Amino acid sequence: METVKVFFAQLLGSAIGIVGLLVGTLGWAYWMWMAIKLGSFGMFFFGILGPFAMVAGILGLWSFFFGLPHWLL
């Protein structure tokens, strides 16, 4: 029974790590690319402003998979 708990804990930890890696790299890079492409200094500043970079990464990953939200324009 302990082996099953360890397996699922490792599986959950790996999934969280992969999502964090995607948000931190792909999402953030896509956000910065959109900021440059749209010519928005506000988006660019938001993307490099400490803790807001994580929010920018989440929004960038969302935009990468589902398209740019209309409220963002």
Protein backbone atom coordinates (compact mmCIF):
# COMPACT_ATOMS: atom_id res chain seq x y z
CA MET A 1 0.00 0.00 0.00
CA GLU A 2 2.87 2.37 0.78
CA THR A 3 4.31 1.76 -2.69
CA VAL A 4 1.06 2.93 -4.30
CA LYS A 5 1.10 6.14 -2.23
CA VAL A 6 4.69 6.83 -3.20
CA PHE A 7 3.92 6.17 -6.86
CA PHE A 8 1.00 8.61 -6.92
CA ALA A 9 2.96 11.21 -4.96
CA GLN A 10 5.77 11.01 -7.51
CA LEU A 11 3.28 11.13 -10.36
CA LEU A 12 1.60 14.24 -8.94
CA GLY A 13 4.94 15.89 -8.23
CA SER A 14 6.11 15.22 -11.77
CA ALA A 15 2.88 16.61 -13.25
CA ILE A 16 3.19 19.79 -11.17
CA GLY A 17 6.84 20.12 -12.21
CA ILE A 18 6.01 19.73 -15.91
CA VAL A 19 3.20 22.30 -15.72
CA GLY A 20 5.50 24.69 -13.85
CA LEU A 21 8.18 24.21 -16.47
CA LEU A 22 5.71 24.87 -19.27
CA VAL A 23 4.40 28.01 -17.60
CA GLY A 24 7.86 29.25 -16.70
CA THR A 25 9.41 28.75 -20.13
CA LEU A 26 6.94 28.31 -22.98
CA GLY A 27 4.18 30.48 -21.53
CA TRP A 28 6.47 33.30 -20.47
CA ALA A 29 8.40 33.28 -23.76
CA TYR A 30 5.16 33.35 -25.75
CA TRP A 31 3.89 36.24 -23.62
CA MET A 32 7.06 38.22 -24.28
CA TRP A 33 6.87 37.42 -28.00
CA MET A 34 3.25 38.65 -28.10
CA ALA A 35 4.26 41.83 -26.25
CA ILE A 36 6.95 42.57 -28.82
CA LYS A 37 4.73 41.56 -31.74
CA LEU A 38 1.85 43.77 -30.52
CA GLY A 39 4.22 46.60 -29.61
CA SER A 40 2.89 46.76 -26.07
CA PHE A 41 5.36 48.11 -23.53
CA GLY A 42 2.83 47.45 -20.77
CA MET A 43 2.70 43.74 -21.59
CA PHE A 44 6.49 43.59 -21.76
CA PHE A 45 6.88 45.39 -18.42
CA PHE A 46 4.25 43.10 -16.86
CA GLY A 47 6.24 40.10 -18.10
CA ILE A 48 9.48 41.14 -16.41
CA LEU A 49 7.99 42.55 -13.21
CA GLY A 50 8.86 39.89 -10.62
CA PRO A 51 5.86 37.91 -9.37
CA PHE A 52 3.70 39.12 -12.25
CA ALA A 53 5.94 37.14 -14.60
CA MET A 54 4.23 33.95 -13.36
CA VAL A 55 0.82 35.39 -14.19
CA ALA A 56 2.18 36.43 -17.58
CA GLY A 57 3.44 32.88 -18.06
CA ILE A 58 0.03 31.41 -17.29
CA LEU A 59 -1.69 33.83 -19.66
CA GLY A 60 0.98 33.18 -22.29
CA LEU A 61 0.51 29.42 -22.06
CA TRP A 62 -3.26 29.87 -22.32
CA SER A 63 -2.78 32.08 -25.37
CA PHE A 64 -0.38 29.56 -26.92
CA PHE A 65 -2.94 26.76 -26.77
CA PHE A 66 -6.28 28.60 -27.12
CA GLY A 67 -5.46 31.90 -28.80
CA LEU A 68 -5.17 35.45 -27.60
CA PRO A 69 -8.10 36.50 -25.37
CA HIS A 70 -10.14 39.41 -26.69
CA TRP A 71 -9.94 41.30 -23.39
CA LEU A 72 -6.17 41.36 -23.71
CA LEU A 73 -6.32 43.42 -26.87
